[in-house]
């Protein structure tokens, strides 16, 4: 893109209006701000505005509109493809806004939108209440995008997705007005907007500055946790058994899957490829141990058992699936109950066996329980009947390795697609065809109506925003340009 220039006078005026900061190219703070979890993303915004409150957010929005610049919002920096950044526009960096207030009696947490889940877990632990949020499994994920896309937690089978636990929020809409909305809002338009912000994905309708979240008292002060790993030769037997066995589990137990590199027990400097499960039971240790006996009888390579609070466990395992600044291409799908058939497992075996980078891995979420008790149209998140949500992370180091790893990840997804019913917007993928239907199913039409009402000039937009007509060209060799941009034009 051609360089976009903003006059020194405009920048000086902007700085005078802010309690936060303006970051410009060529400065250390700017360079730090554009480094997100996925190191593949290289974007150069004209200006980064670090907001220090709602008033700064309004100022940033009006500055971008006055200067004719596009704007994106940077929360935790875990956008799978980097849509939180852009080249040539304004990036609104929320990282200074981390304030939190807990009402232990009402079991509610008000949190500003610069907070990461690590900040929330630390705050909740320090509160001494034992209350937990329905938060992310990766510590460095930001709260705003996570919740707006739906948000899966180790506790979701007990308490629903994160968006189900969103009680109210503050948002600055495209007209520059701050609003406080919830299901108690009197206006139909505000009720529609609140509906859309629970599963419609971040960056579409406005800039959320604060959320009020329901927090919960777990069934026991500490939970049963386990990590179990198996040699890949047992995949057909173990995952085939798991596919049916999880249907017998209580809502209090979630059993996530993983396939990828793990440290060799007793020699952590070496890795080997295994598959296995992360188990979280919201209840007594002994009951959890009894429930996983069938898995333990299927010849695991090893198992780690823990008895701790959920925030403590998040701190222990919460960085294991982070890209940590390396190059990544991320794909995901949504699978119904009993979808890990022998044919689906065979696809896993084939592609994980021939992956060009041994650092690439797949994890999958285990849903159901309370998630499935909400109607698909009650919020914008439609995948209420899903049982598993596989997320593939293809990871590499050099530009020369990019095409082989991206095309491997792309083909892996295509081979699994017959077993999918859709995809998950928080793992947004620029190479996903028919993405409007796969992300939103029957809710897309209503999302379009909300978008037209609240953002009639389409100010909040990106390549796969609500209302975009973009579709990728998936002919081989793949056109990789959609991975390298935020805006279509």
Protein backbone atom coordinates (compact mmCIF):
# COMPACT_ATOMS: atom_id res chain seq x y z
CA UNK A 1 0.00 0.00 0.00
CA UNK A 2 1.18 3.57 -0.57
CA UNK A 3 2.32 5.38 2.54
CA UNK A 4 -0.46 7.34 4.17
CA UNK A 5 0.63 10.62 5.68
CA UNK A 6 -1.01 12.48 8.52
CA UNK A 7 -0.04 16.10 9.02
CA UNK A 8 2.10 16.97 12.05
CA UNK A 9 -0.62 19.38 13.11
CA UNK A 10 -3.23 16.62 13.20
CA UNK A 11 -0.92 14.37 15.21
CA UNK A 12 -0.12 17.15 17.65
CA UNK A 13 -3.82 17.86 18.16
CA UNK A 14 -4.48 14.12 18.65
CA UNK A 15 -1.78 13.90 21.32
CA UNK A 16 -3.28 16.87 23.17
CA UNK A 17 -6.68 15.16 23.33
CA UNK A 18 -5.41 11.85 24.70
CA UNK A 19 -4.56 10.65 28.17
CA UNK A 20 -2.89 7.71 26.41
CA UNK A 21 -0.14 7.69 23.79
CA UNK A 22 0.52 7.99 20.07
CA UNK A 23 3.06 5.54 18.64
CA UNK A 24 4.70 6.21 15.27
CA UNK A 25 6.80 4.00 12.97
CA UNK A 26 10.47 3.79 13.78
CA UNK A 27 10.08 3.90 17.56
CA UNK A 28 10.70 0.93 19.91
CA UNK A 29 7.19 1.12 21.41
CA UNK A 30 5.64 1.00 17.93
CA UNK A 31 7.74 -2.01 16.92
CA UNK A 32 6.76 -3.83 20.12
CA UNK A 33 3.07 -3.11 19.57
CA UNK A 34 2.98 -4.64 16.05
CA UNK A 35 4.54 -7.94 17.23
CA UNK A 36 1.61 -10.25 17.89
CA UNK A 37 1.42 -13.95 18.75
CA UNK A 38 1.51 -15.03 15.08
CA UNK A 39 4.94 -13.84 13.87
CA UNK A 40 3.88 -14.39 10.25
CA UNK A 41 1.82 -11.20 10.44
CA UNK A 42 3.79 -8.15 9.29
CA UNK A 43 1.68 -4.98 9.18
CA UNK A 44 2.66 -1.30 9.31
CA UNK A 45 -0.13 1.01 10.51
CA UNK A 46 0.26 4.75 9.99
CA UNK A 47 -0.31 5.39 13.67
CA UNK A 48 -0.99 3.36 16.81
CA UNK A 49 -3.12 4.96 19.52
CA UNK A 50 -2.81 3.49 23.01
CA UNK A 51 -6.05 4.38 24.75
CA UNK A 52 -6.20 5.03 28.48
CA UNK A 53 -9.98 5.04 28.82
CA UNK A 54 -13.30 5.35 27.02
CA UNK A 55 -12.74 9.01 26.17
CA UNK A 56 -9.50 8.07 24.36
CA UNK A 57 -11.38 5.42 22.39
CA UNK A 58 -13.90 8.04 21.20
CA UNK A 59 -11.02 10.38 20.30
CA UNK A 60 -9.25 7.66 18.29
CA UNK A 61 -12.42 6.77 16.41
CA UNK A 62 -13.14 10.38 15.48
CA UNK A 63 -9.50 10.96 14.48
CA UNK A 64 -9.58 7.99 12.09
CA UNK A 65 -12.88 9.09 10.57
CA UNK A 66 -11.74 12.72 10.17
CA UNK A 67 -8.47 11.66 8.51
CA UNK A 68 -10.20 9.12 6.25
CA UNK A 69 -8.22 6.23 7.76
CA UNK A 70 -9.40 2.71 8.42
CA UNK A 71 -9.23 1.48 12.01
CA UNK A 72 -8.70 -1.89 13.68
CA UNK A 73 -8.59 -2.75 17.38
CA UNK A 74 -5.71 -4.59 19.05
CA UNK A 75 -6.71 -6.46 22.20
CA UNK A 76 -4.54 -9.43 23.12
CA UNK A 77 -2.92 -9.80 19.69
CA UNK A 78 -4.10 -13.38 19.16
CA UNK A 79 -6.07 -12.78 15.98
CA UNK A 80 -5.31 -15.96 14.05
CA UNK A 81 -4.53 -14.04 10.89
CA UNK A 82 -3.68 -10.60 12.29
CA UNK A 83 -6.87 -8.69 11.51
CA UNK A 84 -6.24 -6.71 14.73
CA UNK A 85 -3.45 -4.89 12.82
CA UNK A 86 -3.45 -3.16 9.44
CA UNK A 87 -1.18 -1.35 7.01
CA UNK A 88 -1.85 2.32 6.29
CA UNK A 89 -4.55 2.89 8.87
CA UNK A 90 -5.01 3.41 12.61
CA UNK A 91 -4.56 0.66 15.19
CA UNK A 92 -6.31 1.28 18.49
CA UNK A 93 -4.22 -0.52 21.13
CA UNK A 94 -6.25 -1.35 24.26
CA UNK A 95 -3.36 -2.74 26.33
CA UNK A 96 -3.33 0.09 28.90
CA UNK A 97 -6.96 -0.55 29.87
CA UNK A 98 -6.78 -3.44 32.36
CA UNK A 99 -9.00 -2.25 35.21
CA UNK A 100 -11.14 -4.84 37.02
CA UNK A 101 -13.80 -4.71 39.75
CA UNK A 102 -15.21 -7.87 41.36
CA UNK A 103 -18.59 -7.95 43.08
CA UNK A 104 -18.24 -11.20 45.00
CA UNK A 105 -21.79 -11.05 46.34
CA UNK A 106 -23.36 -10.79 42.89
CA UNK A 107 -20.59 -12.92 41.36
CA UNK A 108 -19.87 -10.42 38.63
CA UNK A 109 -16.60 -9.07 37.27
CA UNK A 110 -16.28 -5.79 35.38
CA UNK A 111 -13.16 -5.83 33.23
CA UNK A 112 -11.69 -3.35 30.76
CA UNK A 113 -10.81 -4.57 27.30
CA UNK A 114 -7.03 -4.37 27.50
CA UNK A 115 -6.97 -7.28 29.94
CA UNK A 116 -5.52 -10.65 29.01
CA UNK A 117 -6.86 -13.82 30.59
CA UNK A 118 -3.63 -14.05 32.58
CA UNK A 119 -4.53 -10.69 34.16
CA UNK A 120 -8.03 -11.93 34.98
CA UNK A 121 -6.85 -15.23 36.49
CA UNK A 122 -4.29 -13.45 38.66
CA UNK A 123 -6.91 -10.95 39.83
CA UNK A 124 -9.44 -13.66 40.65
CA UNK A 125 -6.86 -15.74 42.51
CA UNK A 126 -5.78 -12.72 44.54
CA UNK A 127 -9.42 -12.00 45.43
CA UNK A 128 -9.41 -15.06 47.68
CA UNK A 129 -13.04 -15.79 46.77
CA UNK A 130 -12.46 -19.01 44.84
CA UNK A 131 -14.64 -17.62 42.04
CA UNK A 132 -13.65 -18.37 38.44
CA UNK A 133 -14.47 -16.77 35.06
CA UNK A 134 -15.37 -18.69 31.92
CA UNK A 135 -12.08 -17.73 30.29
CA UNK A 136 -9.53 -18.76 27.71
CA UNK A 137 -7.17 -21.71 27.88
CA UNK A 138 -4.30 -19.64 26.50
CA UNK A 139 -3.07 -17.06 29.01
CA UNK A 140 -2.05 -14.37 26.53
CA UNK A 141 -5.40 -14.22 24.71
CA UNK A 142 -7.28 -10.95 25.23
CA UNK A 143 -10.76 -10.83 26.72
CA UNK A 144 -12.62 -8.77 24.04
CA UNK A 145 -12.16 -10.83 20.87
CA UNK A 146 -12.43 -14.09 22.80
CA UNK A 147 -15.85 -13.28 24.27
CA UNK A 148 -17.26 -11.63 21.14
CA UNK A 149 -16.47 -14.74 19.10
CA UNK A 150 -18.08 -17.09 21.63
CA UNK A 151 -15.18 -18.19 23.83
CA UNK A 152 -14.49 -21.81 24.85
CA UNK A 153 -13.29 -22.56 28.38
CA UNK A 154 -12.25 -25.68 30.27
CA UNK A 155 -15.37 -24.90 32.33
CA UNK A 156 -17.76 -24.39 29.39
CA UNK A 157 -19.49 -27.75 29.78
CA UNK A 158 -20.34 -26.63 33.33
CA UNK A 159 -21.16 -22.96 32.69
CA UNK A 160 -21.60 -22.35 28.94
CA UNK A 161 -19.38 -20.42 26.55
CA UNK A 162 -17.90 -17.11 27.62
CA UNK A 163 -20.49 -15.15 25.60
CA UNK A 164 -23.25 -16.87 27.60
CA UNK A 165 -21.70 -15.31 30.69
CA UNK A 166 -21.59 -11.77 29.29
CA UNK A 167 -24.07 -9.72 31.33
CA UNK A 168 -23.50 -6.25 29.91
CA UNK A 169 -20.90 -4.23 28.03
CA UNK A 170 -19.81 -0.74 27.18
CA UNK A 171 -19.23 0.00 23.50
CA UNK A 172 -18.37 2.97 21.31
CA UNK A 173 -20.36 2.63 18.09
CA UNK A 174 -19.55 4.06 14.65
CA UNK A 175 -21.38 7.32 15.45
CA UNK A 176 -18.80 7.98 18.19
CA UNK A 177 -21.27 7.53 21.04
CA UNK A 178 -20.48 5.43 24.13
CA UNK A 179 -23.30 3.05 25.09
CA UNK A 180 -23.96 0.62 27.93
CA UNK A 181 -26.04 -2.31 26.72
CA UNK A 182 -27.37 -5.60 28.06
CA UNK A 183 -30.40 -7.87 27.86
CA UNK A 184 -32.10 -5.28 30.08
CA UNK A 185 -31.77 -2.58 27.41
CA UNK A 186 -35.10 -1.01 26.45
CA UNK A 187 -34.24 -0.42 22.81
CA UNK A 188 -34.82 -3.24 20.31
CA UNK A 189 -31.80 -2.03 18.32
CA UNK A 190 -29.59 -2.26 21.42
CA UNK A 191 -30.95 -5.72 22.20
CA UNK A 192 -30.08 -6.78 18.65
CA UNK A 193 -26.58 -5.35 19.05
CA UNK A 194 -26.07 -7.19 22.34
CA UNK A 195 -27.20 -10.39 20.61
CA UNK A 196 -24.68 -9.85 17.79
CA UNK A 197 -21.78 -9.18 20.16
CA UNK A 198 -22.20 -12.64 21.69
CA UNK A 199 -20.73 -14.75 18.91
CA UNK A 200 -20.65 -12.39 15.92
CA UNK A 201 -16.89 -11.89 16.22
CA UNK A 202 -14.79 -8.90 17.18
CA UNK A 203 -14.23 -5.84 14.99
CA UNK A 204 -17.65 -5.77 13.31
CA UNK A 205 -19.98 -3.49 15.26
CA UNK A 206 -17.97 -1.09 17.38
CA UNK A 207 -15.22 -0.85 19.99
CA UNK A 208 -16.04 -2.64 23.23
CA UNK A 209 -14.35 -0.90 26.18
CA UNK A 210 -15.64 -2.89 29.17
CA UNK A 211 -17.52 -6.11 29.90
CA UNK A 212 -19.45 -7.34 32.89
CA UNK A 213 -18.99 -11.10 33.21
CA UNK A 214 -20.71 -13.71 35.34
CA UNK A 215 -18.19 -15.59 37.48
CA UNK A 216 -18.83 -18.89 39.24
CA UNK A 217 -18.16 -20.82 42.41
CA UNK A 218 -16.76 -24.21 41.32
CA UNK A 219 -18.28 -27.38 42.76
CA UNK A 220 -15.10 -27.95 44.79
CA UNK A 221 -12.30 -25.52 45.76
CA UNK A 222 -9.85 -27.53 43.68
CA UNK A 223 -10.51 -29.51 40.51
CA UNK A 224 -9.24 -32.82 39.16
CA UNK A 225 -6.91 -32.25 36.20
CA UNK A 226 -5.06 -34.77 34.05
CA UNK A 227 -2.84 -34.89 31.00
CA UNK A 228 -2.70 -38.28 29.31
CA UNK A 229 -0.59 -39.17 26.28
CA UNK A 230 -0.49 -42.20 23.97
CA UNK A 231 1.76 -43.49 21.19
CA UNK A 232 0.31 -42.63 17.78
CA UNK A 233 -0.04 -46.32 16.89
CA UNK A 234 -3.00 -46.50 19.30
CA UNK A 235 -4.98 -43.71 17.65
CA UNK A 236 -7.68 -45.85 16.07
CA UNK A 237 -8.34 -47.74 19.27
CA UNK A 238 -8.12 -44.87 21.77
CA UNK A 239 -9.75 -42.00 19.82
CA UNK A 240 -12.35 -44.44 18.49
CA UNK A 241 -13.20 -45.37 22.09
CA UNK A 242 -13.09 -41.70 23.20
CA UNK A 243 -15.55 -40.74 20.44
CA UNK A 244 -18.31 -42.77 22.11
CA UNK A 245 -17.12 -42.60 25.72
CA UNK A 246 -17.42 -38.80 26.01
CA UNK A 247 -21.16 -39.12 25.38
CA UNK A 248 -21.43 -40.84 28.78
CA UNK A 249 -19.66 -38.11 30.76
CA UNK A 250 -21.32 -35.62 33.12
CA UNK A 251 -21.32 -31.93 32.24
CA UNK A 252 -18.70 -31.35 34.93
CA UNK A 253 -16.02 -33.17 32.91
CA UNK A 254 -14.33 -31.86 29.75
CA UNK A 255 -11.80 -33.96 27.83
CA UNK A 256 -9.87 -31.93 25.25
CA UNK A 257 -7.74 -33.62 22.59
CA UNK A 258 -4.21 -32.92 21.37
CA UNK A 259 -1.88 -34.42 18.74
CA UNK A 260 1.63 -33.09 18.30
CA UNK A 261 5.12 -32.84 19.80
CA UNK A 262 5.61 -33.58 23.49
CA UNK A 263 8.69 -33.78 25.65
CA UNK A 264 10.05 -37.28 26.25
CA UNK A 265 9.43 -38.19 29.91
CA UNK A 266 12.70 -38.05 31.79
CA UNK A 267 14.45 -36.24 28.94
CA UNK A 268 12.70 -32.89 28.32
CA UNK A 269 15.36 -31.81 25.78
CA UNK A 270 13.93 -34.36 23.33
CA UNK A 271 10.45 -34.44 21.80
CA UNK A 272 8.32 -37.13 20.26
CA UNK A 273 4.94 -37.11 18.56
CA UNK A 274 2.03 -38.32 20.67
CA UNK A 275 -1.70 -37.77 20.97
CA UNK A 276 -3.77 -37.59 24.09
CA UNK A 277 -6.15 -35.66 26.27
CA UNK A 278 -6.36 -32.82 28.76
CA UNK A 279 -9.01 -33.64 31.36
CA UNK A 280 -10.74 -31.13 33.65
CA UNK A 281 -13.31 -32.28 36.18
CA UNK A 282 -15.30 -29.69 38.12
CA UNK A 283 -15.62 -31.86 41.19
CA UNK A 284 -13.93 -34.17 43.68
CA UNK A 285 -10.55 -35.65 42.78
CA UNK A 286 -11.60 -39.23 43.52
CA UNK A 287 -14.68 -39.01 41.32
CA UNK A 288 -12.65 -37.55 38.45
CA UNK A 289 -10.08 -40.30 38.79
CA UNK A 290 -12.82 -42.93 38.67
CA UNK A 291 -14.37 -41.35 35.57
CA UNK A 292 -11.14 -41.51 33.54
CA UNK A 293 -10.36 -45.14 34.44
CA UNK A 294 -11.46 -46.33 30.97
CA UNK A 295 -8.85 -44.04 29.36
CA UNK A 296 -6.15 -45.11 31.81
CA UNK A 297 -6.74 -48.74 30.90
CA UNK A 298 -5.88 -48.12 27.22
CA UNK A 299 -2.09 -48.20 27.62
CA UNK A 300 -1.06 -44.53 27.83
CA UNK A 301 2.62 -43.62 27.55
CA UNK A 302 2.25 -41.46 30.65
CA UNK A 303 -0.25 -39.47 32.66
CA UNK A 304 0.08 -36.41 34.90
CA UNK A 305 -2.57 -35.93 37.57
CA UNK A 306 -3.13 -32.64 39.37
CA UNK A 307 -5.40 -31.30 42.10
CA UNK A 308 -5.57 -27.50 41.93
CA UNK A 309 -7.77 -24.51 41.21
CA UNK A 310 -8.68 -23.81 37.60
CA UNK A 311 -6.74 -20.49 37.50
CA UNK A 312 -3.65 -22.32 38.84
CA UNK A 313 -4.02 -24.96 36.15
CA UNK A 314 -4.44 -22.30 33.47
CA UNK A 315 -1.17 -20.75 34.67
CA UNK A 316 0.54 -24.15 34.35
CA UNK A 317 -0.65 -25.17 30.88
CA UNK A 318 -1.81 -21.86 29.39
CA UNK A 319 1.17 -21.18 27.12
CA UNK A 320 1.56 -24.67 25.64
CA UNK A 321 -0.59 -23.88 22.58
CA UNK A 322 0.69 -20.34 21.97
CA UNK A 323 2.58 -19.64 18.71
CA UNK A 324 4.97 -17.38 20.66
CA UNK A 325 5.92 -15.18 17.72
CA UNK A 326 6.74 -17.94 15.21
CA UNK A 327 5.07 -18.19 11.80
CA UNK A 328 1.68 -19.88 11.84
CA UNK A 329 -1.32 -20.69 9.70
CA UNK A 330 -4.41 -21.67 11.68
CA UNK A 331 -7.49 -23.60 10.55
CA UNK A 332 -10.45 -24.95 12.49
CA UNK A 333 -13.66 -26.90 12.10
CA UNK A 334 -16.75 -27.77 14.08
CA UNK A 335 -17.68 -31.44 14.51
CA UNK A 336 -20.97 -32.97 15.72
CA UNK A 337 -21.20 -35.79 18.28
CA UNK A 338 -19.60 -39.10 17.25
CA UNK A 339 -17.66 -37.45 14.40
CA UNK A 340 -14.27 -38.99 15.28
CA UNK A 341 -14.97 -42.01 13.13
CA UNK A 342 -12.32 -44.44 11.91
CA UNK A 343 -12.13 -42.49 8.62
CA UNK A 344 -11.66 -39.17 10.41
CA UNK A 345 -8.95 -40.64 12.63
CA UNK A 346 -7.22 -41.98 9.51
CA UNK A 347 -7.01 -38.41 8.16
CA UNK A 348 -5.38 -37.37 11.45
CA UNK A 349 -2.88 -40.21 11.21
CA UNK A 350 -1.99 -39.43 7.60
CA UNK A 351 -1.52 -35.67 7.88
CA UNK A 352 0.13 -35.59 11.29
CA UNK A 353 2.44 -38.32 9.98
CA UNK A 354 3.59 -36.29 6.95
CA UNK A 355 3.64 -32.75 8.39
CA UNK A 356 6.53 -30.69 6.99
CA UNK A 357 7.21 -29.11 10.40
CA UNK A 358 7.38 -31.32 13.46
CA UNK A 359 6.28 -28.33 15.56
CA UNK A 360 2.80 -28.26 13.97
CA UNK A 361 -0.02 -29.63 16.10
CA UNK A 362 -3.76 -30.05 16.46
CA UNK A 363 -5.90 -29.50 19.56
CA UNK A 364 -9.62 -29.92 19.90
CA UNK A 365 -12.16 -28.53 22.31
CA UNK A 366 -14.76 -30.78 23.92
CA UNK A 367 -18.17 -29.08 23.96
CA UNK A 368 -21.68 -30.13 24.89
CA UNK A 369 -23.15 -29.87 28.36
CA UNK A 370 -24.38 -26.37 29.17
CA UNK A 371 -23.24 -25.09 25.75
CA UNK A 372 -25.82 -27.29 24.05
CA UNK A 373 -28.67 -26.13 26.29
CA UNK A 374 -28.83 -22.75 24.52
CA UNK A 375 -30.70 -22.43 21.22
CA UNK A 376 -28.55 -21.75 18.11
CA UNK A 377 -30.33 -18.43 17.54
CA UNK A 378 -30.35 -17.20 21.14
CA UNK A 379 -26.95 -15.59 20.60
CA UNK A 380 -24.96 -15.03 17.43
CA UNK A 381 -22.86 -18.14 18.23
CA UNK A 382 -24.64 -20.89 16.29
CA UNK A 383 -22.67 -24.10 16.97
CA UNK A 384 -24.66 -25.27 19.96
CA UNK A 385 -24.81 -28.92 18.91
CA UNK A 386 -21.07 -29.20 18.29
CA UNK A 387 -19.12 -31.76 20.26
CA UNK A 388 -15.54 -31.15 19.09
CA UNK A 389 -13.81 -28.07 17.65
CA UNK A 390 -10.42 -29.03 16.15
CA UNK A 391 -7.87 -26.24 15.75
CA UNK A 392 -4.84 -26.92 13.55
CA UNK A 393 -1.69 -24.82 13.98
CA UNK A 394 0.85 -25.18 11.19
CA UNK A 395 4.09 -23.65 12.49
CA UNK A 396 7.38 -22.85 10.74
CA UNK A 397 10.35 -20.49 10.92
CA UNK A 398 11.55 -19.14 7.56
CA UNK A 399 9.81 -17.60 4.51
CA UNK A 400 11.10 -20.47 2.38
CA UNK A 401 9.09 -22.92 4.48
CA UNK A 402 5.83 -20.97 4.28
CA UNK A 403 4.14 -22.44 1.21
CA UNK A 404 4.74 -26.09 2.10
CA UNK A 405 3.37 -25.61 5.61
CA UNK A 406 0.38 -23.51 4.57
CA UNK A 407 -0.64 -25.88 1.79
CA UNK A 408 -0.22 -28.84 4.14
CA UNK A 409 -2.54 -27.16 6.66
CA UNK A 410 -5.00 -26.22 3.94
CA UNK A 411 -5.14 -29.75 2.53
CA UNK A 412 -5.44 -31.23 6.02
CA UNK A 413 -8.58 -29.18 6.63
CA UNK A 414 -10.00 -30.09 3.21
CA UNK A 415 -9.54 -33.77 4.01
CA UNK A 416 -11.35 -33.36 7.34
CA UNK A 417 -14.10 -31.12 5.99
CA UNK A 418 -16.53 -34.00 5.27
CA UNK A 419 -16.64 -34.53 9.05
CA UNK A 420 -17.29 -30.83 9.84
CA UNK A 421 -20.56 -28.93 10.14
CA UNK A 422 -18.98 -25.46 10.15
CA UNK A 423 -16.09 -23.43 11.51
CA UNK A 424 -15.31 -21.14 14.47
CA UNK A 425 -14.84 -17.42 13.92
CA UNK A 426 -12.26 -17.02 16.69
CA UNK A 427 -9.91 -19.16 14.58
CA UNK A 428 -10.59 -16.97 11.56
CA UNK A 429 -9.09 -18.25 8.30
CA UNK A 430 -8.66 -16.13 5.11
CA UNK A 431 -8.51 -19.30 2.96
CA UNK A 432 -11.88 -20.64 4.17
CA UNK A 433 -14.49 -20.76 1.42
CA UNK A 434 -18.15 -19.98 2.12
CA UNK A 435 -16.97 -18.60 5.48
CA UNK A 436 -20.16 -16.61 6.12
CA UNK A 437 -22.22 -19.80 6.39
CA UNK A 438 -19.52 -21.85 8.14
CA UNK A 439 -18.95 -19.28 10.89
CA UNK A 440 -22.51 -18.12 11.44
CA UNK A 441 -24.90 -20.66 9.87
CA UNK A 442 -28.49 -19.37 10.03
CA UNK A 443 -27.54 -16.33 12.11
CA UNK A 444 -25.74 -14.50 9.30
CA UNK A 445 -28.85 -12.78 7.90
CA UNK A 446 -29.65 -11.21 11.27
CA UNK A 447 -26.00 -10.20 11.74
CA UNK A 448 -26.17 -8.37 8.41
CA UNK A 449 -29.26 -6.49 9.58
CA UNK A 450 -27.55 -5.48 12.84
CA UNK A 451 -24.47 -4.38 10.92
CA UNK A 452 -26.50 -2.17 8.56
CA UNK A 453 -28.32 -0.59 11.48
CA UNK A 454 -25.30 0.20 13.66
CA UNK A 455 -22.58 0.73 11.05
CA UNK A 456 -24.39 1.90 7.87
CA UNK A 457 -21.19 3.28 6.31
CA UNK A 458 -19.26 0.06 7.05
CA UNK A 459 -16.55 1.84 9.01
CA UNK A 460 -15.69 -1.26 11.03
CA UNK A 461 -14.57 -3.62 8.32
CA UNK A 462 -11.90 -6.08 7.32
CA UNK A 463 -11.45 -8.88 4.81
CA UNK A 464 -13.92 -11.25 6.53
CA UNK A 465 -16.11 -8.78 8.40
CA UNK A 466 -19.89 -9.04 8.44
CA UNK A 467 -21.10 -7.93 5.00
CA UNK A 468 -17.84 -8.57 3.14
CA UNK A 469 -18.21 -10.33 -0.23
CA UNK A 470 -14.65 -11.69 -0.13
CA UNK A 471 -14.11 -15.31 -1.12
CA UNK A 472 -10.61 -16.84 -1.44
CA UNK A 473 -9.29 -18.46 -4.61
CA UNK A 474 -8.42 -22.00 -3.54
CA UNK A 475 -7.00 -23.26 -6.82
CA UNK A 476 -3.52 -24.76 -6.52
CA UNK A 477 -0.95 -23.37 -6.10
CA UNK A 478 -2.75 -21.39 -3.43
CA UNK A 479 -2.97 -17.61 -3.66
CA UNK A 480 -1.45 -16.68 -0.29
CA UNK A 481 -2.13 -12.93 -0.53
CA UNK A 482 -5.28 -13.09 1.67
CA UNK A 483 -3.03 -14.16 4.55
CA UNK A 484 -1.01 -10.97 4.28
CA UNK A 485 -3.67 -8.26 4.46
CA UNK A 486 -6.45 -6.95 6.66
CA UNK A 487 -8.47 -5.10 4.02
CA UNK A 488 -9.58 -6.42 0.63
CA UNK A 489 -9.10 -3.06 -1.12
